Amino acid sequence: MGKVLYYTACTLDGFIADEAGSLDWLFEVPSSGDDSSWEAFIGRVGALAMGATTYTWVVEHEALLDHPERWTEWYGDRPCWVFTHRDLPRIRGVDVRFVEGDVRPVHAEMDATGRDSWVVGGGDLVGQFDDAGLLDEIHLGMCPVTLGAGAPLLPRRITSERLTLRSVEQDGQRARLVLDVAR
């Protein structure tokens, strides 16, 4: 059984996107340019889950309807479950499955890959995985930015009784934190 991972960037004030749903603030923050932490992380992942807002942003930001190859540059051929209540465009040649409802049956399908599952975002979707007792790790790239408002990192109360800080590393202007989540 693989682990469920939340890997994301956030601001100092705990947001993963601004009020317009944009991640542009993230691309202004310098990193070290060392992709080894990303390569180590994505190497563990067999499946992805994301919310409709995250999926829509990625599709638009990367122009994936015109350039579907960009999806595989980032995510390879991993299947992706997108939680949504609306009709969204499909990316040609990409294994995207649109679903809604309880995360548990989707988790069972994701876990069938035999590897870890990455809940890309948003924070409420990650919260649903935690509510179901499925979240195992949080990987944060905390950036020296404040937004004042936006999409929260994880809009749930998870106390230190369940969170254990495993590691902290500096990556350029970002702090990489890894936390274990007790089920």
N, C-alpha and C. Protein backbone atom coordinates (compact mmCIF):
# COMPACT_ATOMS: atom_id res chain seq x y z
N MET A 1 0.84 -1.18 0.00
CA MET A 1 0.00 0.00 0.00
C MET A 1 0.89 1.24 0.00
N GLY A 2 0.66 2.10 -1.00
CA GLY A 2 1.43 3.33 -1.10
C GLY A 2 0.92 4.38 -0.14
N LYS A 3 1.71 5.42 0.01
CA LYS A 3 1.34 6.54 0.87
C LYS A 3 0.62 7.61 0.05
N VAL A 4 -0.14 8.44 0.75
CA VAL A 4 -0.79 9.59 0.14
C VAL A 4 0.00 10.83 0.53
N LEU A 5 0.46 11.56 -0.47
CA LEU A 5 1.35 12.69 -0.29
C LEU A 5 0.71 13.99 -0.77
N TYR A 6 0.95 15.06 -0.04
CA TYR A 6 0.56 16.39 -0.48
C TYR A 6 1.85 17.15 -0.68
N TYR A 7 2.16 17.49 -1.93
CA TYR A 7 3.39 18.19 -2.30
C TYR A 7 2.95 19.50 -2.94
N THR A 8 3.30 20.62 -2.32
CA THR A 8 2.85 21.90 -2.84
C THR A 8 3.78 23.01 -2.38
N ALA A 9 3.59 24.17 -2.96
CA ALA A 9 4.26 25.38 -2.49
C ALA A 9 3.23 26.23 -1.76
N CYS A 10 3.71 27.01 -0.81
CA CYS A 10 2.81 27.91 -0.09
C CYS A 10 3.55 29.18 0.29
N THR A 11 2.76 30.19 0.63
CA THR A 11 3.31 31.46 1.07
C THR A 11 3.52 31.43 2.59
N LEU A 12 4.20 32.43 3.09
CA LEU A 12 4.41 32.53 4.54
C LEU A 12 3.09 32.62 5.30
N ASP A 13 2.08 33.21 4.66
CA ASP A 13 0.79 33.34 5.34
C ASP A 13 -0.18 32.21 4.99
N GLY A 14 0.35 31.12 4.42
CA GLY A 14 -0.42 29.89 4.30
C GLY A 14 -1.34 29.75 3.11
N PHE A 15 -1.02 30.39 2.00
CA PHE A 15 -1.85 30.28 0.80
C PHE A 15 -1.10 29.53 -0.31
N ILE A 16 -1.87 28.78 -1.12
CA ILE A 16 -1.27 28.06 -2.25
C ILE A 16 -1.58 28.75 -3.57
N ALA A 17 -2.53 29.66 -3.58
CA ALA A 17 -2.89 30.44 -4.76
C ALA A 17 -3.45 31.78 -4.29
N ASP A 18 -3.37 32.78 -5.17
CA ASP A 18 -3.92 34.08 -4.79
C ASP A 18 -5.44 34.08 -4.96
N GLU A 19 -6.06 35.21 -4.71
CA GLU A 19 -7.52 35.29 -4.76
C GLU A 19 -8.10 34.98 -6.14
N ALA A 20 -7.30 35.17 -7.18
CA ALA A 20 -7.74 34.86 -8.54
C ALA A 20 -7.42 33.41 -8.92
N GLY A 21 -6.84 32.65 -7.99
CA GLY A 21 -6.49 31.26 -8.26
C GLY A 21 -5.16 31.10 -8.98
N SER A 22 -4.38 32.16 -9.05
CA SER A 22 -3.11 32.14 -9.78
C SER A 22 -1.95 31.70 -8.90
N LEU A 23 -0.97 31.07 -9.54
CA LEU A 23 0.28 30.69 -8.90
C LEU A 23 1.45 31.54 -9.40
N ASP A 24 1.14 32.62 -10.08
CA ASP A 24 2.21 33.45 -10.64
C ASP A 24 3.21 33.90 -9.59
N TRP A 25 2.75 34.15 -8.36
CA TRP A 25 3.64 34.56 -7.27
C TRP A 25 4.77 33.54 -7.07
N LEU A 26 4.47 32.26 -7.30
CA LEU A 26 5.43 31.18 -7.07
C LEU A 26 6.62 31.27 -8.03
N PHE A 27 6.36 31.62 -9.28
CA PHE A 27 7.40 31.62 -10.29
C PHE A 27 8.34 32.81 -10.17
N GLU A 28 8.00 33.74 -9.27
CA GLU A 28 8.87 34.88 -9.01
C GLU A 28 9.91 34.59 -7.93
N VAL A 29 9.76 33.45 -7.24
CA VAL A 29 10.63 33.10 -6.12
C VAL A 29 11.77 32.22 -6.62
N PRO A 30 13.02 32.69 -6.47
CA PRO A 30 14.14 31.89 -6.96
C PRO A 30 14.34 30.60 -6.16
N SER A 31 14.64 29.54 -6.87
CA SER A 31 15.04 28.29 -6.22
C SER A 31 16.50 28.06 -6.55
N SER A 32 17.08 27.02 -6.00
CA SER A 32 18.50 26.75 -6.23
C SER A 32 18.75 26.24 -7.63
N GLY A 33 17.70 25.79 -8.32
CA GLY A 33 17.88 25.20 -9.64
C GLY A 33 18.20 23.72 -9.58
N ASP A 34 18.35 23.18 -8.38
CA ASP A 34 18.63 21.76 -8.18
C ASP A 34 17.30 21.00 -8.18
N ASP A 35 17.08 20.17 -9.20
CA ASP A 35 15.82 19.44 -9.32
C ASP A 35 15.83 18.10 -8.61
N SER A 36 16.83 17.82 -7.81
CA SER A 36 16.95 16.49 -7.20
C SER A 36 15.80 16.18 -6.25
N SER A 37 15.30 17.19 -5.51
CA SER A 37 14.18 16.90 -4.60
C SER A 37 12.92 16.59 -5.40
N TRP A 38 12.70 17.30 -6.51
CA TRP A 38 11.55 17.01 -7.37
C TRP A 38 11.69 15.61 -7.97
N GLU A 39 12.84 15.29 -8.49
CA GLU A 39 13.05 13.98 -9.11
C GLU A 39 12.85 12.86 -8.09
N ALA A 40 13.36 13.04 -6.88
CA ALA A 40 13.17 12.03 -5.83
C ALA A 40 11.69 11.88 -5.49
N PHE A 41 10.99 13.01 -5.42
CA PHE A 41 9.57 12.96 -5.09
C PHE A 41 8.77 12.29 -6.19
N ILE A 42 8.87 12.78 -7.42
CA ILE A 42 8.03 12.28 -8.51
C ILE A 42 8.36 10.82 -8.81
N GLY A 43 9.56 10.39 -8.50
CA GLY A 43 9.93 8.99 -8.69
C GLY A 43 9.14 8.04 -7.81
N ARG A 44 8.61 8.55 -6.70
CA ARG A 44 7.79 7.73 -5.79
C ARG A 44 6.35 7.59 -6.25
N VAL A 45 5.91 8.50 -7.10
CA VAL A 45 4.49 8.68 -7.40
C VAL A 45 4.02 7.79 -8.54
N GLY A 46 2.88 7.11 -8.31
CA GLY A 46 2.27 6.29 -9.35
C GLY A 46 0.97 6.85 -9.87
N ALA A 47 0.33 7.75 -9.10
CA ALA A 47 -0.96 8.32 -9.50
C ALA A 47 -1.11 9.70 -8.89
N LEU A 48 -1.97 10.52 -9.52
CA LEU A 48 -2.22 11.88 -9.06
C LEU A 48 -3.71 12.10 -8.87
N ALA A 49 -4.04 13.03 -7.95
CA ALA A 49 -5.40 13.51 -7.80
C ALA A 49 -5.33 15.03 -7.70
N MET A 50 -6.29 15.69 -8.30
CA MET A 50 -6.34 17.14 -8.18
C MET A 50 -7.78 17.61 -8.29
N GLY A 51 -8.01 18.79 -7.76
CA GLY A 51 -9.31 19.41 -7.86
C GLY A 51 -9.47 20.11 -9.20
N ALA A 52 -10.70 20.50 -9.51
CA ALA A 52 -11.02 21.13 -10.78
C ALA A 52 -10.28 22.45 -10.98
N THR A 53 -10.15 23.24 -9.92
CA THR A 53 -9.47 24.53 -10.05
C THR A 53 -8.00 24.34 -10.37
N THR A 54 -7.36 23.40 -9.70
CA THR A 54 -5.95 23.11 -9.99
C THR A 54 -5.78 22.62 -11.42
N TYR A 55 -6.62 21.66 -11.81
CA TYR A 55 -6.56 21.12 -13.17
C TYR A 55 -6.74 22.23 -14.21
N THR A 56 -7.75 23.06 -14.02
CA THR A 56 -8.03 24.14 -14.97
C THR A 56 -6.85 25.09 -15.06
N TRP A 57 -6.24 25.43 -13.92
CA TRP A 57 -5.10 26.34 -13.93
C TRP A 57 -3.93 25.73 -14.70
N VAL A 58 -3.64 24.46 -14.44
CA VAL A 58 -2.53 23.78 -15.13
C VAL A 58 -2.80 23.73 -16.63
N VAL A 59 -4.01 23.36 -17.02
CA VAL A 59 -4.35 23.28 -18.44
C VAL A 59 -4.17 24.63 -19.12
N GLU A 60 -4.65 25.69 -18.48
CA GLU A 60 -4.55 27.02 -19.08
C GLU A 60 -3.12 27.56 -19.05
N HIS A 61 -2.47 27.44 -17.89
CA HIS A 61 -1.12 28.00 -17.73
C HIS A 61 -0.12 27.35 -18.67
N GLU A 62 -0.24 26.06 -18.87
CA GLU A 62 0.69 25.32 -19.73
C GLU A 62 0.18 25.13 -21.16
N ALA A 63 -0.99 25.72 -21.47
CA ALA A 63 -1.61 25.58 -22.81
C ALA A 63 -1.65 24.11 -23.23
N LEU A 64 -2.12 23.27 -22.33
CA LEU A 64 -2.07 21.81 -22.55
C LEU A 64 -3.00 21.31 -23.64
N LEU A 65 -4.05 22.05 -23.95
CA LEU A 65 -4.93 21.60 -25.03
C LEU A 65 -4.21 21.70 -26.37
N ASP A 66 -3.31 22.66 -26.49
CA ASP A 66 -2.52 22.81 -27.71
C ASP A 66 -1.19 22.07 -27.63
N HIS A 67 -0.70 21.85 -26.40
CA HIS A 67 0.60 21.21 -26.20
C HIS A 67 0.50 20.12 -25.13
N PRO A 68 -0.20 19.02 -25.44
CA PRO A 68 -0.38 17.96 -24.43
C PRO A 68 0.93 17.31 -23.98
N GLU A 69 1.96 17.43 -24.78
CA GLU A 69 3.26 16.86 -24.41
C GLU A 69 3.82 17.50 -23.15
N ARG A 70 3.41 18.70 -22.84
CA ARG A 70 3.89 19.37 -21.63
C ARG A 70 3.42 18.64 -20.36
N TRP A 71 2.25 18.02 -20.43
CA TRP A 71 1.76 17.22 -19.29
C TRP A 71 2.77 16.13 -18.98
N THR A 72 3.17 15.38 -19.99
CA THR A 72 4.07 14.25 -19.74
C THR A 72 5.47 14.71 -19.34
N GLU A 73 5.86 15.93 -19.74
CA GLU A 73 7.15 16.45 -19.29
C GLU A 73 7.18 16.57 -17.77
N TRP A 74 6.04 16.92 -17.16
CA TRP A 74 5.96 17.08 -15.71
C TRP A 74 5.54 15.79 -15.01
N TYR A 75 4.52 15.13 -15.54
CA TYR A 75 3.88 14.05 -14.80
C TYR A 75 4.07 12.66 -15.41
N GLY A 76 4.73 12.57 -16.55
CA GLY A 76 4.92 11.28 -17.19
C GLY A 76 3.58 10.70 -17.64
N ASP A 77 3.47 9.38 -17.57
CA ASP A 77 2.24 8.73 -18.00
C ASP A 77 1.37 8.32 -16.81
N ARG A 78 1.57 8.93 -15.68
CA ARG A 78 0.80 8.61 -14.48
C ARG A 78 -0.68 8.98 -14.67
N PRO A 79 -1.58 8.11 -14.25
CA PRO A 79 -3.00 8.48 -14.33
C PRO A 79 -3.33 9.58 -13.32
N CYS A 80 -4.31 10.40 -13.68
CA CYS A 80 -4.72 11.52 -12.83
C CYS A 80 -6.24 11.51 -12.68
N TRP A 81 -6.70 11.54 -11.44
CA TRP A 81 -8.12 11.66 -11.13
C TRP A 81 -8.39 13.12 -10.79
N VAL A 82 -9.34 13.73 -11.50
CA VAL A 82 -9.71 15.12 -11.27
C VAL A 82 -11.11 15.13 -10.65
N PHE A 83 -11.20 15.68 -9.45
CA PHE A 83 -12.47 15.78 -8.74
C PHE A 83 -13.18 17.05 -9.19
N THR A 84 -14.37 16.86 -9.76
CA THR A 84 -15.09 18.01 -10.31
C THR A 84 -16.59 17.73 -10.38
N HIS A 85 -17.36 18.82 -10.41
CA HIS A 85 -18.81 18.75 -10.62
C HIS A 85 -19.17 19.38 -11.96
N ARG A 86 -18.18 19.72 -12.75
CA ARG A 86 -18.45 20.41 -14.02
C ARG A 86 -17.73 19.71 -15.17
N ASP A 87 -18.11 20.05 -16.36
CA ASP A 87 -17.45 19.51 -17.55
C ASP A 87 -16.14 20.26 -17.77
N LEU A 88 -15.07 19.50 -17.89
CA LEU A 88 -13.75 20.10 -18.12
C LEU A 88 -13.16 19.50 -19.39
N PRO A 89 -12.27 20.23 -20.04
CA PRO A 89 -11.67 19.71 -21.27
C PRO A 89 -10.69 18.57 -20.97
N ARG A 90 -10.64 17.63 -21.88
CA ARG A 90 -9.68 16.52 -21.78
C ARG A 90 -8.40 16.89 -22.53
N ILE A 91 -7.29 16.45 -21.99
CA ILE A 91 -6.00 16.67 -22.64
C ILE A 91 -5.74 15.45 -23.52
N ARG A 92 -5.54 15.68 -24.78
CA ARG A 92 -5.33 14.60 -25.75
C ARG A 92 -4.15 13.70 -25.34
N GLY A 93 -4.42 12.39 -25.27
CA GLY A 93 -3.37 11.42 -25.00
C GLY A 93 -2.97 11.28 -23.54
N VAL A 94 -3.70 11.92 -22.63
CA VAL A 94 -3.37 11.88 -21.21
C VAL A 94 -4.45 11.10 -20.47
N ASP A 95 -4.04 10.26 -19.53
CA ASP A 95 -4.97 9.45 -18.74
C ASP A 95 -5.53 10.28 -17.60
N VAL A 96 -6.56 11.08 -17.91
CA VAL A 96 -7.25 11.91 -16.91
C VAL A 96 -8.64 11.33 -16.74
N ARG A 97 -9.02 11.12 -15.48
CA ARG A 97 -10.32 10.54 -15.15
C ARG A 97 -11.09 11.54 -14.29
N PHE A 98 -12.22 11.99 -14.78
CA PHE A 98 -13.04 12.95 -14.05
C PHE A 98 -13.97 12.20 -13.12
N VAL A 99 -13.94 12.58 -11.83
CA VAL A 99 -14.72 11.89 -10.80
C VAL A 99 -15.33 12.93 -9.87
N GLU A 100 -16.28 12.47 -9.06
CA GLU A 100 -16.82 13.32 -8.00
C GLU A 100 -17.20 12.42 -6.84
N GLY A 101 -17.37 13.06 -5.69
CA GLY A 101 -17.81 12.31 -4.52
C GLY A 101 -16.67 11.94 -3.59
N ASP A 102 -16.89 10.87 -2.86
CA ASP A 102 -15.99 10.38 -1.81
C ASP A 102 -14.61 10.03 -2.38
N VAL A 103 -13.57 10.43 -1.66
CA VAL A 103 -12.19 10.16 -2.11
C VAL A 103 -11.78 8.70 -1.89
N ARG A 104 -12.44 7.98 -1.00
CA ARG A 104 -12.01 6.62 -0.67
C ARG A 104 -12.00 5.65 -1.85
N PRO A 105 -13.07 5.56 -2.65
CA PRO A 105 -12.99 4.63 -3.79
C PRO A 105 -11.94 5.03 -4.82
N VAL A 106 -11.75 6.34 -4.99
CA VAL A 106 -10.70 6.80 -5.90
C VAL A 106 -9.33 6.43 -5.35
N HIS A 107 -9.15 6.61 -4.04
CA HIS A 107 -7.89 6.23 -3.42
C HIS A 107 -7.58 4.76 -3.69
N ALA A 108 -8.58 3.91 -3.58
CA ALA A 108 -8.36 2.47 -3.83
C ALA A 108 -7.87 2.25 -5.26
N GLU A 109 -8.42 2.98 -6.22
CA GLU A 109 -7.96 2.86 -7.61
C GLU A 109 -6.54 3.39 -7.76
N MET A 110 -6.26 4.52 -7.12
CA MET A 110 -4.93 5.10 -7.20
C MET A 110 -3.90 4.17 -6.57
N ASP A 111 -4.27 3.57 -5.46
CA ASP A 111 -3.36 2.70 -4.73
C ASP A 111 -3.02 1.44 -5.52
N ALA A 112 -3.89 1.09 -6.47
CA ALA A 112 -3.65 -0.11 -7.30
C ALA A 112 -2.39 0.02 -8.15
N THR A 113 -1.83 1.24 -8.27
CA THR A 113 -0.58 1.39 -9.01
C THR A 113 0.59 0.77 -8.25
N GLY A 114 0.38 0.54 -6.94
CA GLY A 114 1.44 -0.03 -6.11
C GLY A 114 2.48 0.98 -5.67
N ARG A 115 2.23 2.25 -5.95
CA ARG A 115 3.17 3.30 -5.58
C ARG A 115 2.44 4.38 -4.80
N ASP A 116 3.15 5.41 -4.41
CA ASP A 116 2.54 6.51 -3.67
C ASP A 116 1.61 7.31 -4.57
N SER A 117 0.65 7.99 -3.94
CA SER A 117 -0.31 8.84 -4.64
C SER A 117 -0.08 10.28 -4.23
N TRP A 118 -0.08 11.19 -5.21
CA TRP A 118 0.14 12.60 -4.96
C TRP A 118 -1.18 13.35 -5.12
N VAL A 119 -1.63 13.98 -4.04
CA VAL A 119 -2.77 14.87 -4.11
C VAL A 119 -2.19 16.25 -4.39
N VAL A 120 -2.33 16.69 -5.64
CA VAL A 120 -1.68 17.90 -6.11
C VAL A 120 -2.31 19.15 -5.47
N GLY A 121 -3.59 19.18 -5.32
CA GLY A 121 -4.30 20.31 -4.75
C GLY A 121 -5.70 20.33 -5.31
N GLY A 122 -6.50 21.17 -4.81
CA GLY A 122 -6.28 22.15 -3.79
C GLY A 122 -6.36 21.61 -2.37
N GLY A 123 -6.25 22.60 -1.48
CA GLY A 123 -6.21 22.30 -0.07
C GLY A 123 -7.44 21.59 0.45
N ASP A 124 -8.63 21.93 -0.07
CA ASP A 124 -9.83 21.26 0.40
C ASP A 124 -9.83 19.79 -0.01
N LEU A 125 -9.36 19.48 -1.21
CA LEU A 125 -9.28 18.09 -1.64
C LEU A 125 -8.32 17.32 -0.74
N VAL A 126 -7.19 17.91 -0.42
CA VAL A 126 -6.24 17.28 0.50
C VAL A 126 -6.92 17.05 1.85
N GLY A 127 -7.70 18.04 2.29
CA GLY A 127 -8.45 17.91 3.54
C GLY A 127 -9.42 16.75 3.50
N GLN A 128 -10.03 16.51 2.36
CA GLN A 128 -10.95 15.37 2.24
C GLN A 128 -10.19 14.04 2.37
N PHE A 129 -8.99 13.96 1.82
CA PHE A 129 -8.17 12.76 2.00
C PHE A 129 -7.81 12.59 3.47
N ASP A 130 -7.50 13.70 4.14
CA ASP A 130 -7.20 13.61 5.57
C ASP A 130 -8.44 13.23 6.37
N ASP A 131 -9.58 13.82 6.05
CA ASP A 131 -10.83 13.48 6.74
C ASP A 131 -11.11 11.98 6.65
N ALA A 132 -10.73 11.37 5.53
CA ALA A 132 -10.95 9.94 5.32
C ALA A 132 -9.85 9.09 5.96
N GLY A 133 -8.88 9.75 6.62
CA GLY A 133 -7.79 9.02 7.26
C GLY A 133 -6.76 8.47 6.29
N LEU A 134 -6.56 9.19 5.18
CA LEU A 134 -5.68 8.67 4.13
C LEU A 134 -4.40 9.48 3.91
N LEU A 135 -4.27 10.65 4.49
CA LEU A 135 -3.11 11.50 4.24
C LEU A 135 -1.93 11.05 5.10
N ASP A 136 -0.76 10.86 4.47
CA ASP A 136 0.43 10.37 5.18
C ASP A 136 1.56 11.40 5.31
N GLU A 137 1.76 12.22 4.28
CA GLU A 137 2.89 13.16 4.29
C GLU A 137 2.49 14.47 3.65
N ILE A 138 3.08 15.56 4.16
CA ILE A 138 2.94 16.88 3.57
C ILE A 138 4.35 17.37 3.23
N HIS A 139 4.55 17.73 1.96
CA HIS A 139 5.82 18.28 1.47
C HIS A 139 5.55 19.71 1.04
N LEU A 140 6.15 20.67 1.75
CA LEU A 140 5.90 22.09 1.47
C LEU A 140 7.14 22.78 0.96
N GLY A 141 6.97 23.60 -0.05
CA GLY A 141 7.98 24.54 -0.47
C GLY A 141 7.50 25.90 -0.02
N MET A 142 7.91 26.33 1.18
CA MET A 142 7.43 27.60 1.73
C MET A 142 8.25 28.75 1.15
N CYS A 143 7.54 29.74 0.63
CA CYS A 143 8.18 30.84 -0.08
C CYS A 143 8.06 32.15 0.69
N PRO A 144 9.07 33.04 0.57
CA PRO A 144 9.04 34.32 1.26
C PRO A 144 8.13 35.32 0.53
N VAL A 145 6.83 35.00 0.58
CA VAL A 145 5.81 35.82 -0.07
C VAL A 145 4.61 35.84 0.87
N THR A 146 3.91 36.95 0.94
CA THR A 146 2.61 36.98 1.62
C THR A 146 1.59 37.50 0.62
N LEU A 147 0.40 36.92 0.66
CA LEU A 147 -0.67 37.31 -0.26
C LEU A 147 -1.82 38.01 0.46
N GLY A 148 -1.97 37.74 1.75
CA GLY A 148 -3.05 38.36 2.50
C GLY A 148 -4.39 37.64 2.36
N ALA A 149 -4.58 36.95 1.27
CA ALA A 149 -5.81 36.20 1.02
C ALA A 149 -5.57 35.26 -0.15
N GLY A 150 -6.45 34.29 -0.28
CA GLY A 150 -6.34 33.36 -1.39
C GLY A 150 -6.81 31.98 -0.99
N ALA A 151 -6.32 30.96 -1.69
CA ALA A 151 -6.68 29.57 -1.41
C ALA A 151 -5.77 29.05 -0.29
N PRO A 152 -6.36 28.62 0.82
CA PRO A 152 -5.54 28.18 1.96
C PRO A 152 -4.82 26.86 1.69
N LEU A 153 -3.68 26.72 2.33
CA LEU A 153 -2.85 25.52 2.21
C LEU A 153 -3.64 24.26 2.51
N LEU A 154 -4.33 24.25 3.64
CA LEU A 154 -5.10 23.07 4.04
C LEU A 154 -6.17 23.54 5.02
N PRO A 155 -7.38 23.77 4.53
CA PRO A 155 -8.40 24.38 5.38
C PRO A 155 -9.03 23.37 6.36
N ARG A 156 -8.19 22.78 7.18
CA ARG A 156 -8.62 21.82 8.20
C ARG A 156 -7.78 22.07 9.45
N ARG A 157 -8.29 21.64 10.55
CA ARG A 157 -7.52 21.70 11.79
C ARG A 157 -6.81 20.36 11.95
N ILE A 158 -5.50 20.39 11.85
CA ILE A 158 -4.66 19.21 12.11
C ILE A 158 -3.62 19.67 13.12
N THR A 159 -3.66 19.13 14.30
CA THR A 159 -2.79 19.62 15.37
C THR A 159 -1.47 18.87 15.41
N SER A 160 -0.58 19.34 16.27
CA SER A 160 0.75 18.73 16.40
C SER A 160 0.68 17.31 16.96
N GLU A 161 -0.46 16.93 17.48
CA GLU A 161 -0.61 15.52 17.92
C GLU A 161 -0.51 14.58 16.73
N ARG A 162 -0.87 15.07 15.54
CA ARG A 162 -0.84 14.22 14.35
C ARG A 162 0.25 14.61 13.36
N LEU A 163 0.86 15.75 13.52
CA LEU A 163 1.89 16.22 12.59
C LEU A 163 3.27 16.15 13.24
N THR A 164 4.21 15.57 12.53
CA THR A 164 5.59 15.50 13.01
C THR A 164 6.50 16.05 11.91
N LEU A 165 7.27 17.08 12.25
CA LEU A 165 8.22 17.66 11.31
C LEU A 165 9.38 16.68 11.13
N ARG A 166 9.55 16.19 9.90
CA ARG A 166 10.61 15.24 9.60
C ARG A 166 11.89 15.93 9.14
N SER A 167 11.74 16.97 8.28
CA SER A 167 12.95 17.62 7.78
C SER A 167 12.64 19.03 7.29
N VAL A 168 13.72 19.84 7.29
CA VAL A 168 13.67 21.19 6.75
C VAL A 168 14.97 21.41 5.99
N GLU A 169 14.85 21.90 4.75
CA GLU A 169 16.03 22.20 3.94
C GLU A 169 15.81 23.52 3.23
N GLN A 170 16.90 24.22 2.96
CA GLN A 170 16.80 25.45 2.19
C GLN A 170 17.05 25.13 0.73
N ASP A 171 16.22 25.72 -0.15
CA ASP A 171 16.36 25.58 -1.60
C ASP A 171 16.23 26.98 -2.19
N GLY A 172 17.36 27.66 -2.37
CA GLY A 172 17.31 29.04 -2.82
C GLY A 172 16.57 29.88 -1.79
N GLN A 173 15.51 30.56 -2.21
CA GLN A 173 14.71 31.38 -1.30
C GLN A 173 13.53 30.61 -0.72
N ARG A 174 13.50 29.30 -0.91
CA ARG A 174 12.40 28.47 -0.41
C ARG A 174 12.88 27.59 0.74
N ALA A 175 11.98 27.31 1.64
CA ALA A 175 12.25 26.34 2.70
C ALA A 175 11.42 25.09 2.38
N ARG A 176 12.06 23.95 2.29
CA ARG A 176 11.36 22.70 2.01
C ARG A 176 11.13 21.98 3.34
N LEU A 177 9.87 21.79 3.67
CA LEU A 177 9.49 21.10 4.90
C LEU A 177 8.79 19.79 4.55
N VAL A 178 9.10 18.75 5.28
CA VAL A 178 8.40 17.48 5.13
C VAL A 178 7.82 17.13 6.49
N LEU A 179 6.52 16.89 6.51
CA LEU A 179 5.82 16.52 7.74
C LEU A 179 5.14 15.17 7.57
N ASP A 180 5.23 14.33 8.58
CA ASP A 180 4.49 13.07 8.61
C ASP A 180 3.15 13.34 9.26
N VAL A 181 2.10 12.72 8.73
CA VAL A 181 0.75 12.87 9.26
C VAL A 181 0.30 11.53 9.83
N ALA A 182 0.05 11.49 11.13
CA ALA A 182 -0.44 10.26 11.75
C ALA A 182 -1.91 10.10 11.42
N ARG A 183 -2.29 8.90 11.07
CA ARG A 183 -3.69 8.64 10.71
C ARG A 183 -4.53 8.43 11.94
